[in-house]
């Protein structure tokens, strides 16, 4: 049998191949345009050091890290490589981001993946919009899509048809609107088949019900740790995670649940652009 080179049906199966994009000049200029939504002027050197630390952590935990060698002229968000595209067992699915400056990103990632021999399994067509931050595998083969300010109904339904199988759609709260956008993955990060990190105040009620039905235990993120990416947790394999430093309550709760936690600083490359560990990584192969 030929060894698998790509594919994922889980958010927590062993992360074997992953793509990242090191922050470059466009990221350094992110604060110059208010439409990008960054919190403060970027310390590019600091952001690059933090990103290097993420790559080191991934490598140390057994993931093979690929680096996207593409520097956009005016799009700082390509560093958050999770959002523009999905990789499933059938291949790549270029999405259609709802944030205007990100519209070229799916093609950039698709071209890179095609060059690695990974086929395109389908794509999202206008007027649909979808960002992968609004998707999560609750368990192997159980896929959830959130309707948000960046993922509309047409996008959710198109993606559900492409992915196939057990796909469920939920509505994510409006909360504070576009200025403080909430992705589905802003409120839930699976850690294993029976454990997930959640921010309960924004968790869709229907999703909460499914978690209960599946017997998935919840690690609750306190409100004080929501802005510092406490809910954005990357499972490298079941029960082993990388998290953003500075969230001690969430970390203690994870460790009390038996999780192996690896913390890294993400103030500049993560918190400043409101993207955490999961946002900075595009899984290519899990399992």
C-alpha atoms as a PDB file:
ATOM      1  CA  UNK A   1       0.000   0.000   0.000  1.00  0.00           C
ATOM      2  CA  UNK A   2       1.120   3.556  -0.730  1.00  0.00           C
ATOM      3  CA  UNK A   3       1.823   5.612   2.386  1.00  0.00           C
ATOM      4  CA  UNK A   4      -0.599   8.492   2.930  1.00  0.00           C
ATOM      5  CA  UNK A   5       0.942  11.910   2.231  1.00  0.00           C
ATOM      6  CA  UNK A   6      -2.043  14.105   3.040  1.00  0.00           C
ATOM      7  CA  UNK A   7      -5.479  14.109   4.602  1.00  0.00           C
ATOM      8  CA  UNK A   8      -7.342  14.689   7.853  1.00  0.00           C
ATOM      9  CA  UNK A   9     -10.655  13.664   9.387  1.00  0.00           C
ATOM     10  CA  UNK A  10      -9.800  14.773  12.913  1.00  0.00           C
ATOM     11  CA  UNK A  11      -8.603  17.855  14.805  1.00  0.00           C
ATOM     12  CA  UNK A  12      -6.631  15.744  17.281  1.00  0.00           C
ATOM     13  CA  UNK A  13      -5.086  12.756  15.460  1.00  0.00           C
ATOM     14  CA  UNK A  14      -1.284  12.820  15.314  1.00  0.00           C
ATOM     15  CA  UNK A  15      -0.088  15.865  13.383  1.00  0.00           C
ATOM     16  CA  UNK A  16       2.474  14.485  10.926  1.00  0.00           C
ATOM     17  CA  UNK A  17       2.804  17.182   8.228  1.00  0.00           C
ATOM     18  CA  UNK A  18       2.024  20.863   8.705  1.00  0.00           C
ATOM     19  CA  UNK A  19       2.457  24.090   6.720  1.00  0.00           C
ATOM     20  CA  UNK A  20       3.386  27.456   8.255  1.00  0.00           C
ATOM     21  CA  UNK A  21       4.191  30.950   6.937  1.00  0.00           C
ATOM     22  CA  UNK A  22       6.854  32.985   8.739  1.00  0.00           C
ATOM     23  CA  UNK A  23       5.828  36.625   9.314  1.00  0.00           C
ATOM     24  CA  UNK A  24       7.507  39.003   6.882  1.00  0.00           C
ATOM     25  CA  UNK A  25       7.349  42.676   5.852  1.00  0.00           C
ATOM     26  CA  UNK A  26       3.595  42.635   5.149  1.00  0.00           C
ATOM     27  CA  UNK A  27       2.963  41.393   8.683  1.00  0.00           C
ATOM     28  CA  UNK A  28       5.270  44.098  10.016  1.00  0.00           C
ATOM     29  CA  UNK A  29       3.085  46.751   8.334  1.00  0.00           C
ATOM     30  CA  UNK A  30      -0.230  45.251   9.480  1.00  0.00           C
ATOM     31  CA  UNK A  31      -1.135  48.005  11.949  1.00  0.00           C
ATOM     32  CA  UNK A  32      -0.772  50.694   9.264  1.00  0.00           C
ATOM     33  CA  UNK A  33      -4.174  49.765   7.787  1.00  0.00           C
ATOM     34  CA  UNK A  34      -6.994  49.771  10.400  1.00  0.00           C
ATOM     35  CA  UNK A  35      -9.005  47.401   8.197  1.00  0.00           C
ATOM     36  CA  UNK A  36      -6.592  44.604   9.078  1.00  0.00           C
ATOM     37  CA  UNK A  37      -7.739  44.809  12.711  1.00  0.00           C
ATOM     38  CA  UNK A  38      -4.371  44.483  14.478  1.00  0.00           C
ATOM     39  CA  UNK A  39      -4.217  45.711  18.066  1.00  0.00           C
ATOM     40  CA  UNK A  40      -0.941  47.694  18.011  1.00  0.00           C
ATOM     41  CA  UNK A  41       2.154  48.363  15.870  1.00  0.00           C
ATOM     42  CA  UNK A  42       3.917  45.089  15.104  1.00  0.00           C
ATOM     43  CA  UNK A  43       7.315  44.204  16.514  1.00  0.00           C
ATOM     44  CA  UNK A  44       8.364  42.136  13.491  1.00  0.00           C
ATOM     45  CA  UNK A  45      11.564  40.816  15.070  1.00  0.00           C
ATOM     46  CA  UNK A  46       9.572  39.682  18.094  1.00  0.00           C
ATOM     47  CA  UNK A  47       6.898  38.106  15.884  1.00  0.00           C
ATOM     48  CA  UNK A  48       9.544  36.184  13.948  1.00  0.00           C
ATOM     49  CA  UNK A  49      11.195  34.929  17.141  1.00  0.00           C
ATOM     50  CA  UNK A  50       7.829  33.721  18.414  1.00  0.00           C
ATOM     51  CA  UNK A  51       7.080  32.001  15.123  1.00  0.00           C
ATOM     52  CA  UNK A  52      10.484  30.324  15.181  1.00  0.00           C
ATOM     53  CA  UNK A  53       9.570  29.059  18.652  1.00  0.00           C
ATOM     54  CA  UNK A  54       6.348  27.591  17.292  1.00  0.00           C
ATOM     55  CA  UNK A  55       8.248  25.778  14.532  1.00  0.00           C
ATOM     56  CA  UNK A  56      10.735  24.456  17.096  1.00  0.00           C
ATOM     57  CA  UNK A  57       7.882  23.191  19.293  1.00  0.00           C
ATOM     58  CA  UNK A  58       6.154  21.465  16.365  1.00  0.00           C
ATOM     59  CA  UNK A  59       9.400  19.860  15.243  1.00  0.00           C
ATOM     60  CA  UNK A  60      10.214  18.739  18.779  1.00  0.00           C
ATOM     61  CA  UNK A  61       6.835  17.038  19.047  1.00  0.00           C
ATOM     62  CA  UNK A  62       7.338  15.051  15.864  1.00  0.00           C
ATOM     63  CA  UNK A  63       5.556  17.084  13.183  1.00  0.00           C
ATOM     64  CA  UNK A  64       7.307  17.661   9.857  1.00  0.00           C
ATOM     65  CA  UNK A  65       7.100  21.411   9.255  1.00  0.00           C
ATOM     66  CA  UNK A  66       6.912  22.932   5.771  1.00  0.00           C
ATOM     67  CA  UNK A  67       7.383  26.691   5.314  1.00  0.00           C
ATOM     68  CA  UNK A  68       5.404  28.585   2.673  1.00  0.00           C
ATOM     69  CA  UNK A  69       7.887  30.734   0.762  1.00  0.00           C
ATOM     70  CA  UNK A  70       5.584  33.516  -0.432  1.00  0.00           C
ATOM     71  CA  UNK A  71       5.520  37.128   0.708  1.00  0.00           C
ATOM     72  CA  UNK A  72       2.398  39.091  -0.277  1.00  0.00           C
ATOM     73  CA  UNK A  73       2.654  42.812  -0.941  1.00  0.00           C
ATOM     74  CA  UNK A  74      -0.134  43.989   1.337  1.00  0.00           C
ATOM     75  CA  UNK A  75      -1.725  40.998   3.092  1.00  0.00           C
ATOM     76  CA  UNK A  76      -0.422  40.460   6.635  1.00  0.00           C
ATOM     77  CA  UNK A  77      -2.867  37.640   7.344  1.00  0.00           C
ATOM     78  CA  UNK A  78      -1.262  34.937   5.207  1.00  0.00           C
ATOM     79  CA  UNK A  79       0.759  34.043   8.318  1.00  0.00           C
ATOM     80  CA  UNK A  80      -2.535  32.580   9.633  1.00  0.00           C
ATOM     81  CA  UNK A  81      -2.391  29.737   7.110  1.00  0.00           C
ATOM     82  CA  UNK A  82      -5.192  27.723   8.686  1.00  0.00           C
ATOM     83  CA  UNK A  83      -8.000  29.893   7.304  1.00  0.00           C
ATOM     84  CA  UNK A  84      -7.731  29.933   3.471  1.00  0.00           C
ATOM     85  CA  UNK A  85      -7.878  26.215   2.753  1.00  0.00           C
ATOM     86  CA  UNK A  86      -8.705  22.757   4.125  1.00  0.00           C
ATOM     87  CA  UNK A  87      -6.862  19.506   3.486  1.00  0.00           C
ATOM     88  CA  UNK A  88      -9.087  16.431   3.644  1.00  0.00           C
ATOM     89  CA  UNK A  89      -8.528  12.815   2.684  1.00  0.00           C
ATOM     90  CA  UNK A  90      -9.720  13.714  -0.836  1.00  0.00           C
ATOM     91  CA  UNK A  91      -7.247  16.593  -1.188  1.00  0.00           C
ATOM     92  CA  UNK A  92      -7.190  20.367  -0.860  1.00  0.00           C
ATOM     93  CA  UNK A  93     -10.317  22.499  -0.659  1.00  0.00           C
ATOM     94  CA  UNK A  94      -9.534  26.164  -1.425  1.00  0.00           C
ATOM     95  CA  UNK A  95     -12.025  28.295   0.467  1.00  0.00           C
ATOM     96  CA  UNK A  96     -13.272  31.859  -0.092  1.00  0.00           C
ATOM     97  CA  UNK A  97     -12.424  34.077   2.895  1.00  0.00           C
ATOM     98  CA  UNK A  98     -14.923  36.677   4.045  1.00  0.00           C
ATOM     99  CA  UNK A  99     -12.152  39.164   4.881  1.00  0.00           C
ATOM    100  CA  UNK A 100     -11.458  41.050   1.611  1.00  0.00           C
ATOM    101  CA  UNK A 101      -7.662  41.266   1.883  1.00  0.00           C
ATOM    102  CA  UNK A 102      -7.480  37.455   2.172  1.00  0.00           C
ATOM    103  CA  UNK A 103      -9.190  36.582  -1.141  1.00  0.00           C
ATOM    104  CA  UNK A 104      -5.915  35.668  -2.920  1.00  0.00           C
ATOM    105  CA  UNK A 105      -4.722  33.336  -0.173  1.00  0.00           C
ATOM    106  CA  UNK A 106      -6.602  30.142  -1.172  1.00  0.00           C
ATOM    107  CA  UNK A 107      -4.956  30.130  -4.615  1.00  0.00           C
ATOM    108  CA  UNK A 108      -1.503  30.657  -3.076  1.00  0.00           C
ATOM    109  CA  UNK A 109      -1.916  27.659  -0.766  1.00  0.00           C
ATOM    110  CA  UNK A 110      -3.601  25.559  -3.448  1.00  0.00           C
ATOM    111  CA  UNK A 111      -0.687  26.132  -5.831  1.00  0.00           C
ATOM    112  CA  UNK A 112       1.819  25.126  -3.140  1.00  0.00           C
ATOM    113  CA  UNK A 113      -0.110  21.948  -2.323  1.00  0.00           C
ATOM    114  CA  UNK A 114      -0.597  21.035  -5.993  1.00  0.00           C
ATOM    115  CA  UNK A 115       3.159  21.415  -6.470  1.00  0.00           C
ATOM    116  CA  UNK A 116       3.602  18.812  -3.702  1.00  0.00           C
ATOM    117  CA  UNK A 117       1.341  16.401  -5.571  1.00  0.00           C
ATOM    118  CA  UNK A 118      -1.747  17.057  -3.453  1.00  0.00           C
ATOM    119  CA  UNK A 119      -4.850  17.340  -5.677  1.00  0.00           C
ATOM    120  CA  UNK A 120      -7.706  19.803  -5.373  1.00  0.00           C
ATOM    121  CA  UNK A 121     -10.882  18.092  -4.164  1.00  0.00           C
ATOM    122  CA  UNK A 122     -13.286  21.002  -4.707  1.00  0.00           C
ATOM    123  CA  UNK A 123     -13.565  24.731  -4.214  1.00  0.00           C
ATOM    124  CA  UNK A 124     -15.944  27.332  -2.831  1.00  0.00           C
ATOM    125  CA  UNK A 125     -17.614  29.566  -5.416  1.00  0.00           C
ATOM    126  CA  UNK A 126     -19.083  33.084  -5.098  1.00  0.00           C
ATOM    127  CA  UNK A 127     -21.216  34.403  -3.529  1.00  0.00           C
ATOM    128  CA  UNK A 128     -20.312  31.871  -0.849  1.00  0.00           C
ATOM    129  CA  UNK A 129     -17.700  32.738   1.785  1.00  0.00           C
ATOM    130  CA  UNK A 130     -15.957  30.318   4.146  1.00  0.00           C
ATOM    131  CA  UNK A 131     -12.944  30.572   6.431  1.00  0.00           C
ATOM    132  CA  UNK A 132     -11.464  27.420   7.921  1.00  0.00           C
ATOM    133  CA  UNK A 133     -11.438  29.072  11.341  1.00  0.00           C
ATOM    134  CA  UNK A 134     -15.171  28.356  11.252  1.00  0.00           C
ATOM    135  CA  UNK A 135     -14.626  24.599  10.945  1.00  0.00           C
ATOM    136  CA  UNK A 136     -13.705  21.873  13.387  1.00  0.00           C
ATOM    137  CA  UNK A 137     -13.609  18.064  13.435  1.00  0.00           C
ATOM    138  CA  UNK A 138     -15.307  17.059  16.695  1.00  0.00           C
ATOM    139  CA  UNK A 139     -14.287  13.457  16.125  1.00  0.00           C
ATOM    140  CA  UNK A 140     -13.016  11.351  13.252  1.00  0.00           C
ATOM    141  CA  UNK A 141     -15.535  11.961  10.480  1.00  0.00           C
ATOM    142  CA  UNK A 142     -17.755  14.415  12.417  1.00  0.00           C
ATOM    143  CA  UNK A 143     -17.266  17.865  10.867  1.00  0.00           C
ATOM    144  CA  UNK A 144     -18.843  21.097  12.138  1.00  0.00           C
ATOM    145  CA  UNK A 145     -19.134  24.373  10.205  1.00  0.00           C
ATOM    146  CA  UNK A 146     -20.045  27.642  11.914  1.00  0.00           C
ATOM    147  CA  UNK A 147     -22.062  30.361  10.196  1.00  0.00           C
ATOM    148  CA  UNK A 148     -20.389  33.627  11.165  1.00  0.00           C
ATOM    149  CA  UNK A 149     -19.650  37.090   9.810  1.00  0.00           C
ATOM    150  CA  UNK A 150     -16.992  35.459   7.597  1.00  0.00           C
ATOM    151  CA  UNK A 151     -18.747  32.192   6.690  1.00  0.00           C
ATOM    152  CA  UNK A 152     -22.177  32.689   5.175  1.00  0.00           C
ATOM    153  CA  UNK A 153     -24.974  30.151   4.694  1.00  0.00           C
ATOM    154  CA  UNK A 154     -24.071  29.453   1.068  1.00  0.00           C
ATOM    155  CA  UNK A 155     -20.453  28.848   2.052  1.00  0.00           C
ATOM    156  CA  UNK A 156     -21.354  26.507   4.890  1.00  0.00           C
ATOM    157  CA  UNK A 157     -23.617  24.465   2.610  1.00  0.00           C
ATOM    158  CA  UNK A 158     -21.123  24.314  -0.261  1.00  0.00           C
ATOM    159  CA  UNK A 159     -18.393  23.135   2.078  1.00  0.00           C
ATOM    160  CA  UNK A 160     -20.683  20.555   3.677  1.00  0.00           C
ATOM    161  CA  UNK A 161     -21.436  19.107   0.237  1.00  0.00           C
ATOM    162  CA  UNK A 162     -17.734  18.885  -0.669  1.00  0.00           C
ATOM    163  CA  UNK A 163     -16.633  17.322   2.628  1.00  0.00           C
ATOM    164  CA  UNK A 164     -19.598  14.930   2.740  1.00  0.00           C
ATOM    165  CA  UNK A 165     -20.493  12.497   5.514  1.00  0.00           C
ATOM    166  CA  UNK A 166     -21.603  13.742   8.920  1.00  0.00           C
ATOM    167  CA  UNK A 167     -21.410  17.547   8.593  1.00  0.00           C
ATOM    168  CA  UNK A 168     -23.323  19.780  10.991  1.00  0.00           C
ATOM    169  CA  UNK A 169     -23.870  23.541  10.746  1.00  0.00           C
ATOM    170  CA  UNK A 170     -24.245  25.861  13.748  1.00  0.00           C
ATOM    171  CA  UNK A 171     -24.664  29.608  14.189  1.00  0.00           C
ATOM    172  CA  UNK A 172     -21.893  31.415  16.077  1.00  0.00           C
ATOM    173  CA  UNK A 173     -22.926  34.503  18.110  1.00  0.00           C
ATOM    174  CA  UNK A 174     -22.498  37.981  16.599  1.00  0.00           C
ATOM    175  CA  UNK A 175     -20.986  39.185  19.905  1.00  0.00           C
ATOM    176  CA  UNK A 176     -19.148  42.489  19.247  1.00  0.00           C
ATOM    177  CA  UNK A 177     -19.384  42.345  15.483  1.00  0.00           C
ATOM    178  CA  UNK A 178     -16.671  42.642  12.798  1.00  0.00           C
ATOM    179  CA  UNK A 179     -14.269  44.573  15.042  1.00  0.00           C
ATOM    180  CA  UNK A 180     -13.858  41.544  17.329  1.00  0.00           C
ATOM    181  CA  UNK A 181     -14.803  38.723  15.027  1.00  0.00           C
ATOM    182  CA  UNK A 182     -15.623  35.323  16.515  1.00  0.00           C
ATOM    183  CA  UNK A 183     -14.664  32.242  14.515  1.00  0.00           C
ATOM    184  CA  UNK A 184     -16.012  28.858  15.579  1.00  0.00           C
ATOM    185  CA  UNK A 185     -12.460  27.931  16.574  1.00  0.00           C
ATOM    186  CA  UNK A 186     -12.375  31.014  18.784  1.00  0.00           C
ATOM    187  CA  UNK A 187     -14.714  29.155  21.131  1.00  0.00           C
ATOM    188  CA  UNK A 188     -13.716  25.478  20.871  1.00  0.00           C
ATOM    189  CA  UNK A 189     -10.483  23.507  20.482  1.00  0.00           C
ATOM    190  CA  UNK A 190     -10.707  19.705  20.618  1.00  0.00           C
ATOM    191  CA  UNK A 191      -7.915  18.079  22.636  1.00  0.00           C
ATOM    192  CA  UNK A 192      -8.893  14.418  22.216  1.00  0.00           C
ATOM    193  CA  UNK A 193     -11.999  12.397  21.373  1.00  0.00           C
ATOM    194  CA  UNK A 194     -13.318  12.986  24.889  1.00  0.00           C
ATOM    195  CA  UNK A 195     -11.958  16.443  25.821  1.00  0.00           C
ATOM    196  CA  UNK A 196     -12.258  19.969  24.421  1.00  0.00           C
ATOM    197  CA  UNK A 197     -11.328  23.485  25.495  1.00  0.00           C
ATOM    198  CA  UNK A 198     -14.302  25.854  25.244  1.00  0.00           C
ATOM    199  CA  UNK A 199     -15.318  29.434  25.951  1.00  0.00           C
ATOM    200  CA  UNK A 200     -18.828  28.748  27.176  1.00  0.00           C
ATOM    201  CA  UNK A 201     -20.320  32.280  26.884  1.00  0.00           C
ATOM    202  CA  UNK A 202     -19.975  32.152  23.068  1.00  0.00           C
ATOM    203  CA  UNK A 203     -20.391  28.418  22.467  1.00  0.00           C
ATOM    204  CA  UNK A 204     -23.431  27.689  20.238  1.00  0.00           C
ATOM    205  CA  UNK A 205     -26.143  25.919  22.231  1.00  0.00           C
ATOM    206  CA  UNK A 206     -26.531  23.210  19.599  1.00  0.00           C
ATOM    207  CA  UNK A 207     -22.819  22.474  19.692  1.00  0.00           C
ATOM    208  CA  UNK A 208     -22.917  22.291  23.486  1.00  0.00           C
ATOM    209  CA  UNK A 209     -25.667  19.684  23.165  1.00  0.00           C
ATOM    210  CA  UNK A 210     -23.611  17.593  20.712  1.00  0.00           C
ATOM    211  CA  UNK A 211     -20.599  17.710  23.016  1.00  0.00           C
ATOM    212  CA  UNK A 212     -22.735  16.409  25.850  1.00  0.00           C
ATOM    213  CA  UNK A 213     -24.244  13.680  23.654  1.00  0.00           C
ATOM    214  CA  UNK A 214     -20.743  12.550  22.647  1.00  0.00           C
ATOM    215  CA  UNK A 215     -19.526  12.492  26.250  1.00  0.00           C
ATOM    216  CA  UNK A 216     -16.855  15.106  25.578  1.00  0.00           C
ATOM    217  CA  UNK A 217     -15.559  16.721  28.771  1.00  0.00           C
ATOM    218  CA  UNK A 218     -15.043  20.469  28.768  1.00  0.00           C
ATOM    219  CA  UNK A 219     -12.132  22.603  29.947  1.00  0.00           C
ATOM    220  CA  UNK A 220     -13.683  26.035  30.438  1.00  0.00           C
ATOM    221  CA  UNK A 221     -11.648  29.134  29.575  1.00  0.00           C
ATOM    222  CA  UNK A 222     -12.239  32.081  31.942  1.00  0.00           C
ATOM    223  CA  UNK A 223     -13.267  35.381  30.388  1.00  0.00           C
ATOM    224  CA  UNK A 224      -9.963  37.008  31.402  1.00  0.00           C
ATOM    225  CA  UNK A 225      -8.045  34.469  29.273  1.00  0.00           C
ATOM    226  CA  UNK A 226     -10.222  34.675  26.177  1.00  0.00           C
ATOM    227  CA  UNK A 227      -8.432  37.722  24.646  1.00  0.00           C
ATOM    228  CA  UNK A 228      -5.027  36.142  25.323  1.00  0.00           C
ATOM    229  CA  UNK A 229      -5.886  33.081  23.177  1.00  0.00           C
ATOM    230  CA  UNK A 230      -6.719  30.734  26.047  1.00  0.00           C
ATOM    231  CA  UNK A 231      -9.266  28.938  23.883  1.00  0.00           C
ATOM    232  CA  UNK A 232      -6.949  28.535  20.885  1.00  0.00           C
ATOM    233  CA  UNK A 233      -5.216  25.211  21.545  1.00  0.00           C
ATOM    234  CA  UNK A 234      -3.476  22.983  18.995  1.00  0.00           C
ATOM    235  CA  UNK A 235      -3.581  19.232  19.562  1.00  0.00           C
ATOM    236  CA  UNK A 236      -0.381  17.683  18.198  1.00  0.00           C
ATOM    237  CA  UNK A 237      -1.759  14.283  19.121  1.00  0.00           C
ATOM    238  CA  UNK A 238      -4.541  13.261  21.523  1.00  0.00           C
ATOM    239  CA  UNK A 239      -3.834  14.771  24.927  1.00  0.00           C
ATOM    240  CA  UNK A 240      -0.686  16.658  23.828  1.00  0.00           C
ATOM    241  CA  UNK A 241      -1.152  20.345  22.993  1.00  0.00           C
ATOM    242  CA  UNK A 242       0.633  23.590  22.206  1.00  0.00           C
ATOM    243  CA  UNK A 243      -0.866  26.695  23.805  1.00  0.00           C
ATOM    244  CA  UNK A 244      -0.152  30.414  24.071  1.00  0.00           C
ATOM    245  CA  UNK A 245       1.694  31.414  27.228  1.00  0.00           C
ATOM    246  CA  UNK A 246      -0.093  33.684  29.670  1.00  0.00           C
ATOM    247  CA  UNK A 247      -3.219  31.619  30.353  1.00  0.00           C
ATOM    248  CA  UNK A 248      -2.446  29.953  33.681  1.00  0.00           C
ATOM    249  CA  UNK A 249      -6.009  29.028  34.667  1.00  0.00           C
ATOM    250  CA  UNK A 250      -6.659  27.237  31.387  1.00  0.00           C
ATOM    251  CA  UNK A 251      -3.259  25.549  31.508  1.00  0.00           C
ATOM    252  CA  UNK A 252      -3.814  24.241  35.059  1.00  0.00           C
ATOM    253  CA  UNK A 253      -7.233  22.915  34.058  1.00  0.00           C
ATOM    254  CA  UNK A 254      -5.749  21.108  31.048  1.00  0.00           C
ATOM    255  CA  UNK A 255      -2.994  19.584  33.160  1.00  0.00           C
ATOM    256  CA  UNK A 256      -5.541  18.525  35.775  1.00  0.00           C
ATOM    257  CA  UNK A 257      -7.373  16.699  32.995  1.00  0.00           C
ATOM    258  CA  UNK A 258      -4.187  14.770  32.188  1.00  0.00           C
ATOM    259  CA  UNK A 259      -3.076  16.806  29.169  1.00  0.00           C
ATOM    260  CA  UNK A 260       0.595  17.367  28.308  1.00  0.00           C
ATOM    261  CA  UNK A 261       0.866  21.139  27.727  1.00  0.00           C
ATOM    262  CA  UNK A 262       3.600  22.986  25.820  1.00  0.00           C
ATOM    263  CA  UNK A 263       3.353  26.781  26.172  1.00  0.00           C
ATOM    264  CA  UNK A 264       4.983  29.265  23.783  1.00  0.00           C
ATOM    265  CA  UNK A 265       4.911  33.091  23.680  1.00  0.00           C
ATOM    266  CA  UNK A 266       2.537  34.404  21.005  1.00  0.00           C
ATOM    267  CA  UNK A 267       1.940  38.033  21.944  1.00  0.00           C
ATOM    268  CA  UNK A 268       3.137  39.529  18.648  1.00  0.00           C
ATOM    269  CA  UNK A 269       2.532  36.847  16.025  1.00  0.00           C
ATOM    270  CA  UNK A 270      -0.677  35.619  17.655  1.00  0.00           C
ATOM    271  CA  UNK A 271      -2.467  37.938  20.037  1.00  0.00           C
ATOM    272  CA  UNK A 272      -1.758  41.126  18.048  1.00  0.00           C
ATOM    273  CA  UNK A 273      -3.537  39.723  14.999  1.00  0.00           C
ATOM    274  CA  UNK A 274      -6.115  37.762  17.036  1.00  0.00           C
ATOM    275  CA  UNK A 275      -4.818  34.411  15.773  1.00  0.00           C
ATOM    276  CA  UNK A 276      -3.569  31.570  17.936  1.00  0.00           C
ATOM    277  CA  UNK A 277      -1.593  28.369  17.525  1.00  0.00           C
ATOM    278  CA  UNK A 278      -4.218  26.662  15.383  1.00  0.00           C
ATOM    279  CA  UNK A 279      -4.498  29.719  13.096  1.00  0.00           C
ATOM    280  CA  UNK A 280      -0.729  29.696  12.481  1.00  0.00           C
ATOM    281  CA  UNK A 281      -0.715  26.081  11.248  1.00  0.00           C
ATOM    282  CA  UNK A 282      -2.308  24.347   8.263  1.00  0.00           C
ATOM    283  CA  UNK A 283      -2.394  20.583   8.918  1.00  0.00           C
ATOM    284  CA  UNK A 284      -1.541  18.613   5.785  1.00  0.00           C
ATOM    285  CA  UNK A 285      -1.546  15.118   7.279  1.00  0.00           C
ATOM    286  CA  UNK A 286      -3.060  13.840  10.508  1.00  0.00           C
ATOM    287  CA  UNK A 287      -3.393  10.269  11.662  1.00  0.00           C
END
